[in-house]
Amino acid sequence: MLMNPINAKLFVAIASLTMLCSADSSAQRKKLGEAEAVRLAEQFIVRNGYTDLPPDKNRLHYETIEWASNIQEMLKMRHDTLERNVYGVARGRKGSSLGWTIVFRYKHATEQEMREVGRAVTMNLDGSKIRVEHVDFNLKRIGRRL
């Protein structure tokens, strides 16, 4: 079966566009290595006001449950609660799905709390759907301490 020149050009253009879109989509979904996931989580907690550094009020993420009635109160409650550096890493995320769980210790915790619980930042393998989990993370469940 022969194609006329217009149909052949249209076919080539559509095929090329499809390949470009597929390549772009797979590039956006690149799996993060452990070091990249750690760096992303550290930036995330700074940006969202959990450390002693100033937050980025234009890029805030909310937890599933927030007790504060406004942004200023929320940031005041979060401020300086977590150490800047990651404490440990676990493969996977809540609900046994694929991803990363990056754990931070509380900065002003009691000695017992320092040994037992922290806060977890979870994300998909490609860094998407990043969030701070609302519940504390049992430090004994960490796959690897850093």
N, C-alpha and C. Protein backbone atom coordinates (compact mmCIF):
# COMPACT_ATOMS: atom_id res chain seq x y z
N MET A 1 0.85 -1.18 0.00
CA MET A 1 0.00 0.00 0.00
C MET A 1 0.89 1.23 0.00
N LEU A 2 0.64 2.12 -0.90
CA LEU A 2 1.42 3.35 -1.01
C LEU A 2 0.71 4.49 -0.31
N MET A 3 1.50 5.35 0.35
CA MET A 3 0.94 6.55 0.98
C MET A 3 1.19 7.74 0.08
N ASN A 4 0.22 8.64 0.04
CA ASN A 4 0.51 9.85 -0.70
C ASN A 4 1.44 10.71 0.13
N PRO A 5 2.15 11.65 -0.46
CA PRO A 5 3.18 12.43 0.26
C PRO A 5 2.64 13.19 1.47
N ILE A 6 1.41 13.68 1.41
CA ILE A 6 0.84 14.42 2.55
C ILE A 6 0.60 13.48 3.71
N ASN A 7 0.03 12.29 3.46
CA ASN A 7 -0.20 11.33 4.52
C ASN A 7 1.11 10.83 5.12
N ALA A 8 2.12 10.64 4.27
CA ALA A 8 3.43 10.20 4.77
C ALA A 8 4.03 11.24 5.69
N LYS A 9 3.96 12.51 5.32
CA LYS A 9 4.49 13.58 6.17
C LYS A 9 3.72 13.68 7.48
N LEU A 10 2.40 13.54 7.39
CA LEU A 10 1.57 13.59 8.60
C LEU A 10 1.91 12.43 9.53
N PHE A 11 2.09 11.25 8.95
CA PHE A 11 2.46 10.07 9.74
C PHE A 11 3.80 10.29 10.45
N VAL A 12 4.79 10.78 9.74
CA VAL A 12 6.11 11.03 10.32
C VAL A 12 6.01 12.09 11.42
N ALA A 13 5.23 13.14 11.20
CA ALA A 13 5.08 14.20 12.21
C ALA A 13 4.42 13.66 13.47
N ILE A 14 3.37 12.87 13.32
CA ILE A 14 2.67 12.31 14.48
C ILE A 14 3.57 11.33 15.23
N ALA A 15 4.27 10.49 14.49
CA ALA A 15 5.18 9.52 15.13
C ALA A 15 6.29 10.24 15.89
N SER A 16 6.85 11.28 15.30
CA SER A 16 7.91 12.05 15.96
C SER A 16 7.40 12.72 17.22
N LEU A 17 6.22 13.32 17.14
CA LEU A 17 5.63 13.99 18.30
C LEU A 17 5.35 12.99 19.42
N THR A 18 4.85 11.82 19.05
CA THR A 18 4.59 10.78 20.05
C THR A 18 5.86 10.36 20.75
N MET A 19 6.94 10.18 20.00
CA MET A 19 8.22 9.79 20.60
C MET A 19 8.76 10.89 21.50
N LEU A 20 8.64 12.14 21.08
CA LEU A 20 9.09 13.26 21.90
C LEU A 20 8.33 13.33 23.21
N CYS A 21 7.02 13.17 23.14
CA CYS A 21 6.19 13.22 24.36
C CYS A 21 6.54 12.08 25.29
N SER A 22 6.78 10.90 24.75
CA SER A 22 7.15 9.75 25.57
C SER A 22 8.49 9.98 26.24
N ALA A 23 9.45 10.51 25.51
CA ALA A 23 10.78 10.77 26.07
C ALA A 23 10.70 11.82 27.16
N ASP A 24 9.91 12.87 26.94
CA ASP A 24 9.76 13.93 27.94
C ASP A 24 9.09 13.38 29.19
N SER A 25 8.06 12.55 29.02
CA SER A 25 7.34 11.98 30.15
C SER A 25 8.25 11.07 30.98
N SER A 26 9.06 10.24 30.32
CA SER A 26 9.94 9.35 31.07
C SER A 26 11.06 10.12 31.76
N ALA A 27 11.50 11.23 31.18
CA ALA A 27 12.54 12.04 31.82
C ALA A 27 12.00 12.67 33.09
N GLN A 28 10.74 13.06 33.08
CA GLN A 28 10.14 13.66 34.27
C GLN A 28 9.94 12.63 35.37
N ARG A 29 9.85 11.39 35.02
CA ARG A 29 9.58 10.33 36.00
C ARG A 29 10.84 9.56 36.37
N LYS A 30 11.99 10.18 36.24
CA LYS A 30 13.26 9.55 36.58
C LYS A 30 13.26 9.19 38.07
N LYS A 31 13.63 7.98 38.37
CA LYS A 31 13.70 7.55 39.76
C LYS A 31 14.87 8.26 40.45
N LEU A 32 14.62 8.72 41.66
CA LEU A 32 15.67 9.38 42.44
C LEU A 32 16.51 8.34 43.15
N GLY A 33 17.80 8.60 43.22
CA GLY A 33 18.67 7.80 44.07
C GLY A 33 18.50 8.26 45.52
N GLU A 34 19.09 7.52 46.44
CA GLU A 34 18.96 7.86 47.86
C GLU A 34 19.45 9.27 48.16
N ALA A 35 20.61 9.63 47.64
CA ALA A 35 21.17 10.97 47.92
C ALA A 35 20.25 12.08 47.39
N GLU A 36 19.65 11.87 46.22
CA GLU A 36 18.73 12.86 45.66
C GLU A 36 17.46 12.98 46.50
N ALA A 37 16.95 11.85 46.97
CA ALA A 37 15.75 11.85 47.81
C ALA A 37 16.03 12.56 49.14
N VAL A 38 17.21 12.33 49.71
CA VAL A 38 17.60 12.99 50.95
C VAL A 38 17.68 14.50 50.75
N ARG A 39 18.34 14.92 49.70
CA ARG A 39 18.48 16.35 49.41
C ARG A 39 17.11 17.01 49.21
N LEU A 40 16.22 16.34 48.48
CA LEU A 40 14.89 16.87 48.24
C LEU A 40 14.10 17.01 49.55
N ALA A 41 14.20 16.00 50.42
CA ALA A 41 13.50 16.05 51.71
C ALA A 41 14.04 17.15 52.60
N GLU A 42 15.37 17.32 52.62
CA GLU A 42 15.96 18.40 53.43
C GLU A 42 15.51 19.76 52.93
N GLN A 43 15.46 19.95 51.63
CA GLN A 43 14.97 21.21 51.07
C GLN A 43 13.49 21.42 51.40
N PHE A 44 12.74 20.34 51.36
CA PHE A 44 11.30 20.39 51.62
C PHE A 44 10.99 20.85 53.04
N ILE A 45 11.71 20.31 54.03
CA ILE A 45 11.39 20.71 55.41
C ILE A 45 11.82 22.15 55.69
N VAL A 46 12.89 22.60 55.05
CA VAL A 46 13.29 24.01 55.19
C VAL A 46 12.23 24.90 54.56
N ARG A 47 11.87 24.59 53.33
CA ARG A 47 10.90 25.40 52.58
C ARG A 47 9.56 25.49 53.31
N ASN A 48 9.20 24.46 54.06
CA ASN A 48 7.91 24.41 54.73
C ASN A 48 7.95 24.80 56.20
N GLY A 49 9.09 25.35 56.64
CA GLY A 49 9.15 25.97 57.96
C GLY A 49 9.41 25.08 59.15
N TYR A 50 9.92 23.87 58.95
CA TYR A 50 10.15 22.96 60.08
C TYR A 50 11.51 23.16 60.75
N THR A 51 12.41 23.91 60.13
CA THR A 51 13.74 24.11 60.70
C THR A 51 13.86 25.54 61.24
N ASP A 52 15.07 25.91 61.64
CA ASP A 52 15.32 27.26 62.15
C ASP A 52 15.50 28.27 61.02
N LEU A 53 15.52 27.80 59.77
CA LEU A 53 15.67 28.69 58.62
C LEU A 53 14.31 29.24 58.18
N PRO A 54 14.29 30.38 57.49
CA PRO A 54 13.01 30.96 57.06
C PRO A 54 12.33 30.10 55.99
N PRO A 55 11.00 29.96 56.06
CA PRO A 55 10.27 29.17 55.07
C PRO A 55 10.06 29.96 53.78
N ASP A 56 9.63 29.25 52.75
CA ASP A 56 9.22 29.87 51.50
C ASP A 56 7.69 29.91 51.50
N LYS A 57 7.14 31.03 51.90
CA LYS A 57 5.68 31.14 52.07
C LYS A 57 4.91 30.98 50.76
N ASN A 58 5.58 31.08 49.64
CA ASN A 58 4.92 30.91 48.35
C ASN A 58 4.84 29.45 47.90
N ARG A 59 5.53 28.56 48.61
CA ARG A 59 5.57 27.15 48.20
C ARG A 59 5.27 26.19 49.34
N LEU A 60 4.38 26.58 50.22
CA LEU A 60 4.05 25.75 51.39
C LEU A 60 3.20 24.55 51.01
N HIS A 61 3.46 23.44 51.68
CA HIS A 61 2.63 22.25 51.58
C HIS A 61 1.96 22.06 52.94
N TYR A 62 0.76 21.58 52.93
CA TYR A 62 0.02 21.36 54.17
C TYR A 62 0.04 19.88 54.52
N GLU A 63 0.07 19.61 55.81
CA GLU A 63 -0.05 18.23 56.27
C GLU A 63 -1.51 17.81 56.12
N THR A 64 -1.79 16.52 56.25
CA THR A 64 -3.17 16.06 56.11
C THR A 64 -4.06 16.64 57.20
N ILE A 65 -3.47 16.93 58.35
CA ILE A 65 -4.20 17.59 59.45
C ILE A 65 -3.35 18.77 59.91
N GLU A 66 -3.95 19.93 59.90
CA GLU A 66 -3.28 21.13 60.41
C GLU A 66 -4.13 21.68 61.56
N TRP A 67 -3.49 21.98 62.68
CA TRP A 67 -4.21 22.48 63.85
C TRP A 67 -4.33 24.00 63.86
N ALA A 68 -3.49 24.66 63.11
CA ALA A 68 -3.48 26.13 63.11
C ALA A 68 -4.62 26.68 62.26
N SER A 69 -5.06 27.88 62.62
CA SER A 69 -6.18 28.49 61.89
C SER A 69 -5.72 29.40 60.76
N ASN A 70 -4.42 29.72 60.71
CA ASN A 70 -3.90 30.55 59.62
C ASN A 70 -2.43 30.20 59.37
N ILE A 71 -1.88 30.72 58.28
CA ILE A 71 -0.52 30.36 57.87
C ILE A 71 0.52 30.80 58.90
N GLN A 72 0.37 31.99 59.46
CA GLN A 72 1.35 32.47 60.45
C GLN A 72 1.39 31.55 61.67
N GLU A 73 0.22 31.15 62.13
CA GLU A 73 0.15 30.25 63.29
C GLU A 73 0.73 28.88 62.94
N MET A 74 0.42 28.39 61.74
CA MET A 74 0.95 27.10 61.30
C MET A 74 2.48 27.13 61.27
N LEU A 75 3.04 28.19 60.69
CA LEU A 75 4.50 28.29 60.61
C LEU A 75 5.12 28.45 62.00
N LYS A 76 4.45 29.13 62.89
CA LYS A 76 4.95 29.27 64.26
C LYS A 76 4.99 27.90 64.95
N MET A 77 3.97 27.08 64.72
CA MET A 77 3.93 25.75 65.33
C MET A 77 5.02 24.83 64.74
N ARG A 78 5.33 25.00 63.48
CA ARG A 78 6.33 24.17 62.81
C ARG A 78 7.76 24.61 63.09
N HIS A 79 7.95 25.91 63.30
CA HIS A 79 9.28 26.51 63.34
C HIS A 79 10.23 25.80 64.31
N ASP A 80 11.39 25.40 63.78
CA ASP A 80 12.50 24.85 64.55
C ASP A 80 12.15 23.56 65.29
N THR A 81 11.19 22.80 64.74
CA THR A 81 10.82 21.54 65.41
C THR A 81 11.67 20.36 64.95
N LEU A 82 12.27 20.46 63.75
CA LEU A 82 13.05 19.34 63.23
C LEU A 82 14.49 19.74 62.97
N GLU A 83 15.39 18.77 63.13
CA GLU A 83 16.79 18.99 62.77
C GLU A 83 16.87 19.17 61.25
N ARG A 84 17.82 19.95 60.79
CA ARG A 84 17.96 20.22 59.35
C ARG A 84 18.41 19.00 58.56
N ASN A 85 19.20 18.15 59.19
CA ASN A 85 19.79 17.00 58.48
C ASN A 85 18.99 15.73 58.73
N VAL A 86 18.96 14.90 57.72
CA VAL A 86 18.25 13.63 57.78
C VAL A 86 18.87 12.72 58.83
N TYR A 87 18.02 11.99 59.53
CA TYR A 87 18.47 11.01 60.52
C TYR A 87 18.60 9.62 59.88
N GLY A 88 17.65 9.29 59.00
CA GLY A 88 17.68 7.97 58.38
C GLY A 88 16.76 7.87 57.18
N VAL A 89 16.91 6.75 56.48
CA VAL A 89 16.17 6.52 55.25
C VAL A 89 15.57 5.12 55.27
N ALA A 90 14.36 5.01 54.76
CA ALA A 90 13.73 3.71 54.58
C ALA A 90 13.17 3.64 53.17
N ARG A 91 13.30 2.51 52.54
CA ARG A 91 12.69 2.31 51.21
C ARG A 91 11.19 2.14 51.38
N GLY A 92 10.45 2.64 50.42
CA GLY A 92 8.99 2.52 50.46
C GLY A 92 8.38 3.71 51.19
N ARG A 93 7.08 3.76 51.15
CA ARG A 93 6.36 4.81 51.87
C ARG A 93 5.13 4.21 52.52
N LYS A 94 4.42 5.00 53.27
CA LYS A 94 3.26 4.53 54.01
C LYS A 94 2.34 3.71 53.10
N GLY A 95 1.82 2.62 53.65
CA GLY A 95 0.93 1.78 52.87
C GLY A 95 1.65 0.80 51.96
N SER A 96 2.92 0.57 52.19
CA SER A 96 3.73 -0.38 51.43
C SER A 96 3.86 -0.03 49.96
N SER A 97 3.64 1.22 49.59
CA SER A 97 3.82 1.59 48.18
C SER A 97 5.27 1.96 47.92
N LEU A 98 5.65 1.94 46.66
CA LEU A 98 7.02 2.27 46.28
C LEU A 98 7.31 3.74 46.56
N GLY A 99 8.52 4.02 46.96
CA GLY A 99 8.92 5.40 47.22
C GLY A 99 10.03 5.47 48.24
N TRP A 100 10.14 6.65 48.84
CA TRP A 100 11.16 6.93 49.85
C TRP A 100 10.50 7.44 51.12
N THR A 101 11.05 7.05 52.25
CA THR A 101 10.69 7.63 53.54
C THR A 101 11.98 8.16 54.14
N ILE A 102 12.02 9.48 54.30
CA ILE A 102 13.21 10.17 54.81
C ILE A 102 12.85 10.70 56.18
N VAL A 103 13.61 10.33 57.19
CA VAL A 103 13.23 10.60 58.57
C VAL A 103 14.13 11.66 59.22
N PHE A 104 13.49 12.55 59.95
CA PHE A 104 14.16 13.62 60.69
C PHE A 104 13.84 13.46 62.17
N ARG A 105 14.82 13.76 63.01
CA ARG A 105 14.57 13.75 64.44
C ARG A 105 14.04 15.10 64.88
N TYR A 106 13.27 15.08 65.96
CA TYR A 106 12.82 16.33 66.57
C TYR A 106 14.02 17.06 67.14
N LYS A 107 14.01 18.36 67.04
CA LYS A 107 15.16 19.15 67.49
C LYS A 107 15.15 19.36 69.00
N HIS A 108 14.00 19.56 69.57
CA HIS A 108 13.90 19.86 71.00
C HIS A 108 13.14 18.76 71.74
N ALA A 109 13.44 17.54 71.41
CA ALA A 109 12.73 16.40 72.00
C ALA A 109 13.36 15.99 73.33
N THR A 110 12.58 15.27 74.12
CA THR A 110 13.13 14.68 75.34
C THR A 110 14.07 13.56 74.93
N GLU A 111 14.86 13.09 75.87
CA GLU A 111 15.82 12.02 75.56
C GLU A 111 15.10 10.78 75.05
N GLN A 112 13.97 10.43 75.67
CA GLN A 112 13.23 9.25 75.25
C GLN A 112 12.67 9.45 73.83
N GLU A 113 12.13 10.62 73.55
CA GLU A 113 11.61 10.90 72.21
C GLU A 113 12.72 10.82 71.17
N MET A 114 13.91 11.29 71.52
CA MET A 114 15.04 11.26 70.59
C MET A 114 15.37 9.82 70.18
N ARG A 115 15.17 8.90 71.09
CA ARG A 115 15.47 7.50 70.80
C ARG A 115 14.33 6.80 70.07
N GLU A 116 13.09 7.28 70.24
CA GLU A 116 11.94 6.52 69.78
C GLU A 116 11.25 7.03 68.51
N VAL A 117 11.05 8.34 68.39
CA VAL A 117 10.23 8.84 67.27
C VAL A 117 10.83 10.05 66.58
N GLY A 118 10.44 10.21 65.33
CA GLY A 118 10.82 11.37 64.53
C GLY A 118 9.68 11.68 63.58
N ARG A 119 9.96 12.51 62.58
CA ARG A 119 8.96 12.83 61.55
C ARG A 119 9.47 12.33 60.22
N ALA A 120 8.57 11.87 59.38
CA ALA A 120 8.92 11.30 58.09
C ALA A 120 8.42 12.18 56.95
N VAL A 121 9.30 12.37 55.97
CA VAL A 121 8.91 12.96 54.69
C VAL A 121 8.84 11.79 53.73
N THR A 122 7.69 11.62 53.08
CA THR A 122 7.54 10.53 52.13
C THR A 122 7.34 11.09 50.73
N MET A 123 7.74 10.29 49.75
CA MET A 123 7.61 10.70 48.34
C MET A 123 7.61 9.46 47.47
N ASN A 124 7.13 9.62 46.25
CA ASN A 124 7.23 8.56 45.26
C ASN A 124 8.69 8.43 44.84
N LEU A 125 9.01 7.36 44.13
CA LEU A 125 10.38 7.12 43.70
C LEU A 125 10.95 8.26 42.85
N ASP A 126 10.08 8.97 42.15
CA ASP A 126 10.54 10.08 41.30
C ASP A 126 10.50 11.43 42.02
N GLY A 127 10.19 11.42 43.32
CA GLY A 127 10.15 12.66 44.10
C GLY A 127 8.80 13.34 44.09
N SER A 128 7.85 12.82 43.36
CA SER A 128 6.52 13.43 43.33
C SER A 128 5.72 13.05 44.58
N LYS A 129 4.64 13.76 44.79
CA LYS A 129 3.74 13.55 45.93
C LYS A 129 4.50 13.55 47.25
N ILE A 130 5.38 14.51 47.40
CA ILE A 130 6.16 14.64 48.63
C ILE A 130 5.30 15.27 49.71
N ARG A 131 5.47 14.79 50.94
CA ARG A 131 4.71 15.33 52.06
C ARG A 131 5.34 14.94 53.39
N VAL A 132 5.02 15.70 54.41
CA VAL A 132 5.39 15.34 55.78
C VAL A 132 4.23 14.52 56.32
N GLU A 133 4.52 13.32 56.79
CA GLU A 133 3.47 12.49 57.36
C GLU A 133 3.02 13.09 58.69
N HIS A 134 1.74 13.02 58.93
CA HIS A 134 1.18 13.64 60.14
C HIS A 134 1.60 12.91 61.42
N VAL A 135 1.68 11.61 61.34
CA VAL A 135 2.00 10.83 62.55
C VAL A 135 3.51 10.69 62.72
N ASP A 136 3.94 10.50 63.94
CA ASP A 136 5.36 10.28 64.21
C ASP A 136 5.82 8.96 63.58
N PHE A 137 7.12 8.90 63.34
CA PHE A 137 7.72 7.71 62.73
C PHE A 137 8.57 7.01 63.78
N ASN A 138 8.38 5.72 63.95
CA ASN A 138 9.15 4.93 64.90
C ASN A 138 10.57 4.78 64.37
N LEU A 139 11.55 5.32 65.08
CA LEU A 139 12.93 5.32 64.61
C LEU A 139 13.51 3.92 64.46
N LYS A 140 12.93 2.93 65.12
CA LYS A 140 13.41 1.55 64.99
C LYS A 140 13.11 0.98 63.60
N ARG A 141 12.20 1.62 62.85
CA ARG A 141 11.82 1.14 61.53
C ARG A 141 12.69 1.71 60.40
N ILE A 142 13.68 2.49 60.76
CA ILE A 142 14.55 3.09 59.74
C ILE A 142 15.40 2.00 59.09
N GLY A 143 15.41 2.03 57.77
CA GLY A 143 16.22 1.05 57.04
C GLY A 143 17.70 1.31 57.18
N ARG A 144 18.08 2.59 57.17
CA ARG A 144 19.51 2.94 57.25
C ARG A 144 19.66 4.31 57.88
N ARG A 145 20.47 4.36 58.93
CA ARG A 145 20.78 5.66 59.57
C ARG A 145 21.89 6.35 58.80
N LEU A 146 21.78 7.67 58.72
CA LEU A 146 22.81 8.45 58.03
C LEU A 146 23.65 9.21 59.02
